[in-house]
N, C-alpha and C. Protein backbone atom coordinates (compact mmCIF):
# COMPACT_ATOMS: atom_id res chain seq x y z
N MET A 1 7.41 24.43 18.94
CA MET A 1 7.90 24.67 17.60
C MET A 1 9.37 24.27 17.53
N ASP A 2 9.74 23.53 16.50
CA ASP A 2 11.13 23.10 16.32
C ASP A 2 11.98 24.27 15.83
N MET A 3 13.15 24.37 16.38
CA MET A 3 14.11 25.39 15.95
C MET A 3 15.11 24.73 15.01
N ILE A 4 15.48 25.43 13.96
CA ILE A 4 16.49 24.94 13.04
C ILE A 4 17.83 25.54 13.45
N ARG A 5 18.80 24.67 13.69
CA ARG A 5 20.14 25.13 14.04
C ARG A 5 20.88 25.56 12.78
N ALA A 6 21.89 26.37 12.96
CA ALA A 6 22.69 26.84 11.83
C ALA A 6 23.24 25.65 11.06
N GLY A 7 23.09 25.66 9.76
CA GLY A 7 23.61 24.61 8.90
C GLY A 7 22.66 23.44 8.69
N GLU A 8 21.57 23.37 9.45
CA GLU A 8 20.60 22.28 9.27
C GLU A 8 19.62 22.65 8.17
N GLN A 9 19.09 21.64 7.53
CA GLN A 9 18.11 21.86 6.48
C GLN A 9 16.88 21.05 6.78
N LYS A 10 15.74 21.55 6.35
CA LYS A 10 14.50 20.80 6.46
C LYS A 10 14.23 20.11 5.12
N LEU A 11 13.63 18.96 5.20
CA LEU A 11 13.26 18.21 4.01
C LEU A 11 11.74 18.19 3.91
N TYR A 12 11.22 18.62 2.78
CA TYR A 12 9.79 18.60 2.56
C TYR A 12 9.48 17.55 1.50
N VAL A 13 8.49 16.75 1.77
CA VAL A 13 8.11 15.68 0.85
C VAL A 13 6.73 16.01 0.27
N GLU A 14 6.65 15.93 -1.03
CA GLU A 14 5.36 16.14 -1.69
C GLU A 14 4.64 14.79 -1.73
N LEU A 15 3.48 14.75 -1.11
CA LEU A 15 2.71 13.50 -1.06
C LEU A 15 1.82 13.37 -2.29
N PRO A 16 1.63 12.14 -2.74
CA PRO A 16 0.69 11.92 -3.85
C PRO A 16 -0.73 12.27 -3.43
N GLU A 17 -1.61 12.45 -4.39
CA GLU A 17 -3.02 12.71 -4.11
C GLU A 17 -3.73 11.38 -3.92
N PHE A 18 -3.80 10.93 -2.67
CA PHE A 18 -4.44 9.65 -2.37
C PHE A 18 -5.95 9.78 -2.52
N THR A 19 -6.55 8.73 -3.07
CA THR A 19 -8.00 8.73 -3.29
C THR A 19 -8.69 7.58 -2.57
N GLY A 20 -7.90 6.67 -2.00
CA GLY A 20 -8.50 5.46 -1.41
C GLY A 20 -8.70 4.38 -2.46
N ARG A 21 -8.14 4.60 -3.64
CA ARG A 21 -8.25 3.61 -4.72
C ARG A 21 -7.79 2.25 -4.22
N ASN A 22 -8.55 1.22 -4.52
CA ASN A 22 -8.19 -0.15 -4.18
C ASN A 22 -7.19 -0.64 -5.23
N VAL A 23 -5.93 -0.70 -4.86
CA VAL A 23 -4.89 -1.11 -5.80
C VAL A 23 -5.02 -2.62 -6.02
N PRO A 24 -5.15 -3.06 -7.26
CA PRO A 24 -5.31 -4.50 -7.53
C PRO A 24 -4.09 -5.30 -7.08
N ILE A 25 -4.35 -6.52 -6.63
CA ILE A 25 -3.29 -7.42 -6.16
C ILE A 25 -2.24 -7.61 -7.26
N LYS A 26 -2.67 -7.79 -8.49
CA LYS A 26 -1.74 -8.00 -9.60
C LYS A 26 -0.80 -6.80 -9.76
N GLU A 27 -1.33 -5.60 -9.63
CA GLU A 27 -0.52 -4.38 -9.76
C GLU A 27 0.51 -4.29 -8.63
N ILE A 28 0.08 -4.62 -7.41
CA ILE A 28 0.99 -4.61 -6.26
C ILE A 28 2.10 -5.63 -6.47
N ALA A 29 1.73 -6.83 -6.90
CA ALA A 29 2.71 -7.90 -7.12
C ALA A 29 3.74 -7.48 -8.16
N GLU A 30 3.30 -6.85 -9.24
CA GLU A 30 4.23 -6.39 -10.28
C GLU A 30 5.18 -5.34 -9.71
N ALA A 31 4.66 -4.42 -8.88
CA ALA A 31 5.50 -3.38 -8.29
C ALA A 31 6.54 -3.96 -7.34
N MET A 32 6.19 -5.08 -6.68
CA MET A 32 7.09 -5.72 -5.72
C MET A 32 8.01 -6.74 -6.39
N GLY A 33 7.70 -7.11 -7.63
CA GLY A 33 8.47 -8.17 -8.30
C GLY A 33 8.16 -9.53 -7.73
N LYS A 34 6.92 -9.71 -7.29
CA LYS A 34 6.48 -10.97 -6.68
C LYS A 34 5.28 -11.52 -7.42
N ASP A 35 4.92 -12.75 -7.10
CA ASP A 35 3.73 -13.39 -7.64
C ASP A 35 2.50 -12.87 -6.90
N PRO A 36 1.36 -12.71 -7.58
CA PRO A 36 0.15 -12.26 -6.88
C PRO A 36 -0.23 -13.14 -5.68
N GLN A 37 0.03 -14.44 -5.76
CA GLN A 37 -0.30 -15.33 -4.65
C GLN A 37 0.52 -14.97 -3.40
N TYR A 38 1.75 -14.53 -3.58
CA TYR A 38 2.59 -14.09 -2.48
C TYR A 38 1.91 -12.93 -1.73
N VAL A 39 1.38 -11.97 -2.49
CA VAL A 39 0.70 -10.82 -1.90
C VAL A 39 -0.57 -11.26 -1.19
N ARG A 40 -1.37 -12.12 -1.83
CA ARG A 40 -2.62 -12.59 -1.21
C ARG A 40 -2.35 -13.31 0.11
N VAL A 41 -1.38 -14.21 0.13
CA VAL A 41 -1.06 -14.96 1.36
C VAL A 41 -0.53 -14.01 2.43
N GLY A 42 0.31 -13.07 2.04
CA GLY A 42 0.84 -12.09 2.99
C GLY A 42 -0.26 -11.27 3.65
N LEU A 43 -1.27 -10.89 2.87
CA LEU A 43 -2.40 -10.14 3.42
C LEU A 43 -3.25 -11.03 4.33
N GLN A 44 -3.49 -12.27 3.89
CA GLN A 44 -4.30 -13.19 4.69
C GLN A 44 -3.65 -13.49 6.04
N GLU A 45 -2.34 -13.69 6.03
CA GLU A 45 -1.62 -14.06 7.25
C GLU A 45 -1.19 -12.84 8.07
N GLY A 46 -1.32 -11.65 7.50
CA GLY A 46 -1.05 -10.43 8.24
C GLY A 46 0.40 -9.96 8.26
N TRP A 47 1.29 -10.62 7.54
CA TRP A 47 2.68 -10.15 7.53
C TRP A 47 2.95 -9.12 6.45
N LEU A 48 2.02 -8.90 5.56
CA LEU A 48 2.07 -7.75 4.66
C LEU A 48 1.04 -6.75 5.18
N LYS A 49 1.47 -5.55 5.44
CA LYS A 49 0.62 -4.54 6.08
C LYS A 49 0.14 -3.48 5.09
N LEU A 50 -0.02 -3.84 3.83
CA LEU A 50 -0.39 -2.85 2.84
C LEU A 50 -1.86 -2.91 2.46
N GLY A 51 -2.65 -3.63 3.22
CA GLY A 51 -4.08 -3.72 2.95
C GLY A 51 -4.74 -4.72 3.88
N TYR A 52 -5.92 -5.15 3.47
CA TYR A 52 -6.73 -6.02 4.31
C TYR A 52 -7.27 -7.20 3.51
N ALA A 53 -7.31 -8.35 4.14
CA ALA A 53 -7.93 -9.54 3.55
C ALA A 53 -9.11 -9.90 4.42
N HIS A 54 -10.28 -10.06 3.82
CA HIS A 54 -11.49 -10.39 4.57
C HIS A 54 -12.08 -11.67 4.02
N ARG A 55 -12.18 -12.67 4.89
CA ARG A 55 -12.76 -13.96 4.47
C ARG A 55 -14.25 -13.78 4.20
N ILE A 56 -14.71 -14.38 3.12
CA ILE A 56 -16.12 -14.31 2.75
C ILE A 56 -16.86 -15.46 3.42
N GLY A 57 -17.61 -15.13 4.46
CA GLY A 57 -18.38 -16.15 5.19
C GLY A 57 -17.49 -17.25 5.72
N ASN A 58 -17.94 -18.49 5.56
CA ASN A 58 -17.18 -19.66 6.00
C ASN A 58 -16.40 -20.30 4.86
N SER A 59 -16.34 -19.62 3.73
CA SER A 59 -15.66 -20.19 2.57
C SER A 59 -14.15 -19.96 2.66
N SER A 60 -13.45 -20.44 1.66
CA SER A 60 -12.00 -20.22 1.59
C SER A 60 -11.67 -19.00 0.73
N ALA A 61 -12.72 -18.29 0.27
CA ALA A 61 -12.53 -17.11 -0.58
C ALA A 61 -12.32 -15.85 0.27
N PHE A 62 -11.56 -14.90 -0.28
CA PHE A 62 -11.26 -13.65 0.40
C PHE A 62 -11.56 -12.47 -0.52
N ASN A 63 -11.92 -11.35 0.10
CA ASN A 63 -11.94 -10.05 -0.57
C ASN A 63 -10.73 -9.29 -0.07
N TYR A 64 -10.15 -8.46 -0.94
CA TYR A 64 -8.96 -7.70 -0.57
C TYR A 64 -9.21 -6.22 -0.78
N TYR A 65 -8.73 -5.43 0.16
CA TYR A 65 -8.76 -3.97 0.01
C TYR A 65 -7.39 -3.44 0.34
N CYS A 66 -6.75 -2.85 -0.66
CA CYS A 66 -5.40 -2.29 -0.51
C CYS A 66 -5.46 -0.83 -0.94
N PRO A 67 -5.75 0.08 0.01
CA PRO A 67 -5.85 1.49 -0.36
C PRO A 67 -4.51 2.05 -0.81
N ASP A 68 -4.58 2.94 -1.78
CA ASP A 68 -3.36 3.49 -2.38
C ASP A 68 -2.40 4.09 -1.35
N LYS A 69 -2.91 4.70 -0.29
CA LYS A 69 -2.03 5.31 0.71
C LYS A 69 -1.23 4.26 1.48
N LYS A 70 -1.89 3.15 1.89
CA LYS A 70 -1.17 2.10 2.62
C LYS A 70 -0.12 1.44 1.73
N VAL A 71 -0.46 1.23 0.47
CA VAL A 71 0.49 0.62 -0.47
C VAL A 71 1.71 1.53 -0.60
N TRP A 72 1.48 2.83 -0.75
CA TRP A 72 2.59 3.79 -0.87
C TRP A 72 3.43 3.82 0.40
N GLU A 73 2.78 3.81 1.56
CA GLU A 73 3.51 3.85 2.83
C GLU A 73 4.38 2.60 3.03
N GLU A 74 3.89 1.45 2.60
CA GLU A 74 4.61 0.20 2.83
C GLU A 74 5.67 -0.12 1.79
N ILE A 75 5.36 0.12 0.50
CA ILE A 75 6.33 -0.27 -0.54
C ILE A 75 6.76 0.88 -1.43
N GLY A 76 6.21 2.08 -1.21
CA GLY A 76 6.61 3.24 -1.99
C GLY A 76 6.05 3.30 -3.39
N TYR A 77 5.03 2.49 -3.66
CA TYR A 77 4.43 2.46 -4.99
C TYR A 77 3.16 3.30 -5.01
N PHE A 78 3.01 4.13 -6.04
CA PHE A 78 1.79 4.90 -6.24
C PHE A 78 1.58 5.11 -7.73
N ARG A 79 0.36 4.90 -8.17
CA ARG A 79 -0.05 5.22 -9.54
C ARG A 79 -1.38 5.93 -9.44
N LYS A 80 -1.46 7.09 -10.05
CA LYS A 80 -2.69 7.85 -10.04
C LYS A 80 -3.77 7.08 -10.78
N ASN A 81 -4.98 7.15 -10.27
CA ASN A 81 -6.11 6.49 -10.91
C ASN A 81 -6.30 7.02 -12.32
N LYS A 82 -6.49 6.14 -13.28
CA LYS A 82 -6.70 6.55 -14.67
C LYS A 82 -8.06 7.24 -14.77
N SER A 83 -8.09 8.38 -15.43
CA SER A 83 -9.35 9.13 -15.58
C SER A 83 -10.05 8.79 -16.87
């Protein structure tokens, strides 16, 4: 158990209610101030760590999954799913 020394304070962070929502590429790009193609290429090449790009068979097409928690962890963006 961590001991708090005199004069130290603890910081508590309230986490969003993550649902696993697949955040659309366009929404991520807007939050980052980038073009959606920038986000797609970053996911495909692996230098953006806020989701996954999966190639569809032998084609040049990809499916993307960017869960709300990973997006929040990487860029600090979160929007609750519209009900």
